[in-house]
Amino acid sequence: MNLKVEESFAGGKTVLKVSGLCADSASCVRKIYEERQADVICMKVDVSPFHEKGASGRFEYSIEIPDGVLSLVFGKNKYEIWRRSSFS
């Protein structure tokens, strides 16, 4: 996956917009979800080799980061894609 993370602040809250493209261009995104584990949110993307009408390998997903969360990781290997700054 090729990922881009954009951080913004709205109403005193941290919001991350994560966008990307599946590594295999033949795959399409089926579902995006997140799981919180203590001070870490793990973002997961389910992909499928079967295309449905309007499906794509591209995705864009916004996550509001609650106070107390220090890191956002991606996928089953938990690759860290964002860490809260000590200035936040």
N, C-alpha and C. Protein backbone atom coordinates (compact mmCIF):
# COMPACT_ATOMS: atom_id res chain seq x y z
N MET A 1 0.84 -1.18 0.00
CA MET A 1 0.00 0.00 0.00
C MET A 1 0.89 1.24 0.00
N ASN A 2 0.44 2.19 -0.76
CA ASN A 2 1.09 3.49 -0.81
C ASN A 2 0.19 4.44 -0.01
N LEU A 3 0.68 4.95 1.14
CA LEU A 3 -0.17 5.72 2.05
C LEU A 3 0.26 7.17 2.16
N LYS A 4 -0.73 8.03 2.38
CA LYS A 4 -0.49 9.44 2.66
C LYS A 4 -1.35 9.78 3.88
N VAL A 5 -0.76 10.48 4.86
CA VAL A 5 -1.48 10.87 6.07
C VAL A 5 -1.43 12.39 6.18
N GLU A 6 -2.61 13.00 6.29
CA GLU A 6 -2.72 14.44 6.48
C GLU A 6 -3.36 14.70 7.83
N GLU A 7 -2.72 15.53 8.63
CA GLU A 7 -3.20 15.85 9.97
C GLU A 7 -3.85 17.23 9.96
N SER A 8 -5.00 17.34 10.60
CA SER A 8 -5.66 18.64 10.75
C SER A 8 -6.24 18.73 12.15
N PHE A 9 -6.58 19.95 12.52
CA PHE A 9 -7.14 20.20 13.85
C PHE A 9 -8.44 20.96 13.66
N ALA A 10 -9.52 20.42 14.22
CA ALA A 10 -10.82 21.06 14.09
C ALA A 10 -11.54 20.98 15.43
N GLY A 11 -11.94 22.12 15.96
CA GLY A 11 -12.67 22.13 17.22
C GLY A 11 -11.89 21.51 18.36
N GLY A 12 -10.57 21.68 18.35
CA GLY A 12 -9.74 21.13 19.41
C GLY A 12 -9.46 19.64 19.28
N LYS A 13 -9.84 19.05 18.17
CA LYS A 13 -9.65 17.61 17.96
C LYS A 13 -8.67 17.38 16.80
N THR A 14 -7.91 16.31 16.92
CA THR A 14 -7.00 15.90 15.85
C THR A 14 -7.76 14.97 14.90
N VAL A 15 -7.69 15.29 13.61
CA VAL A 15 -8.32 14.46 12.58
C VAL A 15 -7.25 14.09 11.57
N LEU A 16 -7.18 12.80 11.25
CA LEU A 16 -6.23 12.32 10.25
C LEU A 16 -7.00 11.85 9.02
N LYS A 17 -6.52 12.26 7.86
CA LYS A 17 -7.07 11.75 6.60
C LYS A 17 -6.00 10.84 6.00
N VAL A 18 -6.34 9.56 5.90
CA VAL A 18 -5.42 8.57 5.37
C VAL A 18 -5.92 8.18 3.98
N SER A 19 -5.04 8.28 3.00
CA SER A 19 -5.43 7.89 1.65
C SER A 19 -4.35 7.00 1.07
N GLY A 20 -4.74 6.21 0.09
CA GLY A 20 -3.76 5.32 -0.50
C GLY A 20 -4.31 4.52 -1.66
N LEU A 21 -3.47 3.64 -2.13
CA LEU A 21 -3.78 2.76 -3.26
C LEU A 21 -3.24 1.38 -2.91
N CYS A 22 -4.07 0.38 -3.13
CA CYS A 22 -3.63 -1.00 -2.89
C CYS A 22 -2.39 -1.29 -3.73
N ALA A 23 -1.47 -2.06 -3.17
CA ALA A 23 -0.23 -2.40 -3.89
C ALA A 23 -0.53 -3.17 -5.17
N ASP A 24 -1.57 -3.98 -5.14
CA ASP A 24 -1.97 -4.76 -6.31
C ASP A 24 -3.10 -4.01 -6.99
N SER A 25 -2.84 -3.45 -8.15
CA SER A 25 -3.84 -2.62 -8.82
C SER A 25 -5.09 -3.41 -9.23
N ALA A 26 -5.00 -4.72 -9.21
CA ALA A 26 -6.16 -5.54 -9.56
C ALA A 26 -7.12 -5.70 -8.38
N SER A 27 -6.69 -5.33 -7.19
CA SER A 27 -7.52 -5.48 -6.00
C SER A 27 -8.40 -4.25 -5.79
N CYS A 28 -9.49 -4.45 -5.05
CA CYS A 28 -10.34 -3.32 -4.70
C CYS A 28 -10.59 -3.33 -3.20
N VAL A 29 -10.82 -2.14 -2.66
CA VAL A 29 -11.08 -1.99 -1.23
C VAL A 29 -12.51 -2.39 -0.93
N ARG A 30 -12.68 -3.28 0.04
CA ARG A 30 -14.02 -3.72 0.42
C ARG A 30 -14.50 -3.03 1.69
N LYS A 31 -13.59 -2.89 2.67
CA LYS A 31 -13.99 -2.36 3.97
C LYS A 31 -12.77 -1.75 4.65
N ILE A 32 -13.00 -0.64 5.35
CA ILE A 32 -11.96 -0.02 6.16
C ILE A 32 -12.49 0.07 7.58
N TYR A 33 -11.68 -0.33 8.54
CA TYR A 33 -12.13 -0.27 9.93
C TYR A 33 -10.94 0.00 10.83
N GLU A 34 -11.23 0.33 12.07
CA GLU A 34 -10.19 0.64 13.03
C GLU A 34 -10.46 -0.09 14.34
N GLU A 35 -9.38 -0.43 15.01
CA GLU A 35 -9.47 -1.08 16.32
C GLU A 35 -8.56 -0.32 17.27
N ARG A 36 -9.09 0.03 18.44
CA ARG A 36 -8.27 0.71 19.43
C ARG A 36 -7.72 -0.31 20.41
N GLN A 37 -6.43 -0.20 20.68
CA GLN A 37 -5.75 -1.07 21.63
C GLN A 37 -4.92 -0.17 22.54
N ALA A 38 -5.47 0.16 23.71
CA ALA A 38 -4.83 1.07 24.68
C ALA A 38 -4.63 2.44 24.03
N ASP A 39 -3.37 2.86 23.84
CA ASP A 39 -3.10 4.19 23.29
C ASP A 39 -2.76 4.16 21.80
N VAL A 40 -3.16 3.07 21.12
CA VAL A 40 -2.88 2.90 19.70
C VAL A 40 -4.17 2.57 18.96
N ILE A 41 -4.36 3.19 17.79
CA ILE A 41 -5.45 2.80 16.89
C ILE A 41 -4.81 2.06 15.72
N CYS A 42 -5.37 0.90 15.42
CA CYS A 42 -4.91 0.10 14.28
C CYS A 42 -5.94 0.21 13.17
N MET A 43 -5.52 0.74 12.02
CA MET A 43 -6.39 0.88 10.85
C MET A 43 -6.15 -0.32 9.94
N LYS A 44 -7.24 -0.95 9.52
CA LYS A 44 -7.13 -2.12 8.64
C LYS A 44 -8.00 -1.92 7.40
N VAL A 45 -7.51 -2.40 6.28
CA VAL A 45 -8.22 -2.31 5.01
C VAL A 45 -8.36 -3.71 4.45
N ASP A 46 -9.61 -4.13 4.28
CA ASP A 46 -9.87 -5.42 3.64
C ASP A 46 -9.94 -5.20 2.14
N VAL A 47 -9.18 -6.00 1.40
CA VAL A 47 -9.19 -5.90 -0.06
C VAL A 47 -9.69 -7.21 -0.65
N SER A 48 -10.13 -7.11 -1.88
CA SER A 48 -10.66 -8.28 -2.58
C SER A 48 -10.18 -8.26 -4.02
N PRO A 49 -9.91 -9.42 -4.59
CA PRO A 49 -9.54 -9.46 -6.00
C PRO A 49 -10.76 -9.34 -6.92
N PHE A 50 -11.95 -9.35 -6.33
CA PHE A 50 -13.17 -9.31 -7.10
C PHE A 50 -13.74 -7.89 -7.12
N HIS A 51 -13.89 -7.35 -8.29
CA HIS A 51 -14.39 -5.98 -8.42
C HIS A 51 -15.91 -5.94 -8.48
N GLU A 52 -16.45 -4.98 -7.78
CA GLU A 52 -17.87 -4.69 -7.88
C GLU A 52 -17.99 -3.38 -8.63
N LYS A 53 -19.16 -3.09 -9.14
CA LYS A 53 -19.36 -1.85 -9.88
C LYS A 53 -18.99 -0.65 -9.01
N GLY A 54 -18.15 0.22 -9.52
CA GLY A 54 -17.73 1.41 -8.81
C GLY A 54 -16.61 1.18 -7.80
N ALA A 55 -16.15 -0.06 -7.65
CA ALA A 55 -15.10 -0.36 -6.68
C ALA A 55 -13.74 0.06 -7.24
N SER A 56 -12.84 0.35 -6.32
CA SER A 56 -11.52 0.83 -6.71
C SER A 56 -10.48 0.36 -5.71
N GLY A 57 -9.24 0.41 -6.11
CA GLY A 57 -8.13 0.11 -5.21
C GLY A 57 -7.69 1.32 -4.43
N ARG A 58 -8.29 2.48 -4.71
CA ARG A 58 -7.98 3.72 -3.99
C ARG A 58 -8.93 3.88 -2.81
N PHE A 59 -8.41 4.52 -1.76
CA PHE A 59 -9.27 4.79 -0.62
C PHE A 59 -8.86 6.11 0.03
N GLU A 60 -9.81 6.67 0.78
CA GLU A 60 -9.59 7.86 1.59
C GLU A 60 -10.46 7.69 2.82
N TYR A 61 -9.86 7.85 3.99
CA TYR A 61 -10.56 7.55 5.23
C TYR A 61 -10.14 8.56 6.29
N SER A 62 -11.10 9.16 6.96
CA SER A 62 -10.81 10.13 8.03
C SER A 62 -11.04 9.48 9.38
N ILE A 63 -10.12 9.76 10.29
CA ILE A 63 -10.18 9.22 11.64
C ILE A 63 -10.01 10.37 12.63
N GLU A 64 -10.97 10.50 13.54
CA GLU A 64 -10.81 11.45 14.64
C GLU A 64 -10.02 10.75 15.73
N ILE A 65 -8.92 11.36 16.13
CA ILE A 65 -8.03 10.75 17.11
C ILE A 65 -8.39 11.25 18.51
N PRO A 66 -8.89 10.36 19.36
CA PRO A 66 -9.27 10.78 20.72
C PRO A 66 -8.05 11.14 21.56
N ASP A 67 -8.28 11.97 22.59
CA ASP A 67 -7.22 12.24 23.56
C ASP A 67 -6.77 10.90 24.13
N GLY A 68 -5.51 10.78 24.40
CA GLY A 68 -4.99 9.53 24.96
C GLY A 68 -4.44 8.58 23.93
N VAL A 69 -4.78 8.77 22.65
CA VAL A 69 -4.21 7.94 21.60
C VAL A 69 -2.92 8.59 21.14
N LEU A 70 -1.85 7.81 21.13
CA LEU A 70 -0.53 8.34 20.80
C LEU A 70 -0.04 7.94 19.42
N SER A 71 -0.67 6.91 18.83
CA SER A 71 -0.14 6.37 17.58
C SER A 71 -1.24 5.76 16.72
N LEU A 72 -1.04 5.87 15.40
CA LEU A 72 -1.91 5.19 14.43
C LEU A 72 -1.03 4.22 13.66
N VAL A 73 -1.41 2.95 13.67
CA VAL A 73 -0.67 1.93 12.94
C VAL A 73 -1.56 1.36 11.84
N PHE A 74 -0.93 0.73 10.86
CA PHE A 74 -1.66 0.26 9.69
C PHE A 74 -1.41 -1.23 9.46
N GLY A 75 -2.51 -1.95 9.24
CA GLY A 75 -2.44 -3.34 8.80
C GLY A 75 -2.07 -4.33 9.88
N LYS A 76 -2.04 -5.60 9.47
CA LYS A 76 -1.76 -6.67 10.43
C LYS A 76 -0.32 -6.61 10.95
N ASN A 77 0.58 -5.98 10.19
CA ASN A 77 1.96 -5.83 10.66
C ASN A 77 2.16 -4.60 11.54
N LYS A 78 1.09 -3.81 11.69
CA LYS A 78 1.07 -2.64 12.58
C LYS A 78 2.21 -1.66 12.27
N TYR A 79 2.29 -1.29 11.01
CA TYR A 79 3.27 -0.30 10.57
C TYR A 79 2.82 1.08 11.04
N GLU A 80 3.64 1.76 11.82
CA GLU A 80 3.25 3.06 12.35
C GLU A 80 3.25 4.12 11.24
N ILE A 81 2.09 4.80 11.08
CA ILE A 81 1.97 5.83 10.04
C ILE A 81 1.77 7.22 10.62
N TRP A 82 1.53 7.31 11.94
CA TRP A 82 1.39 8.61 12.60
C TRP A 82 1.68 8.45 14.07
N ARG A 83 2.33 9.47 14.65
CA ARG A 83 2.56 9.52 16.09
C ARG A 83 2.27 10.93 16.56
N ARG A 84 1.55 11.01 17.69
CA ARG A 84 1.19 12.32 18.25
C ARG A 84 2.46 13.07 18.65
N SER A 85 2.52 14.30 18.27
CA SER A 85 3.62 15.17 18.63
C SER A 85 3.54 15.51 20.11
N SER A 86 4.67 15.71 20.73
CA SER A 86 4.66 16.09 22.15
C SER A 86 4.10 17.49 22.34
N PHE A 87 3.91 18.23 21.23
CA PHE A 87 3.35 19.58 21.29
C PHE A 87 1.85 19.61 21.10
N SER A 88 1.23 18.45 20.84
CA SER A 88 -0.23 18.40 20.59
C SER A 88 -1.01 18.58 21.87
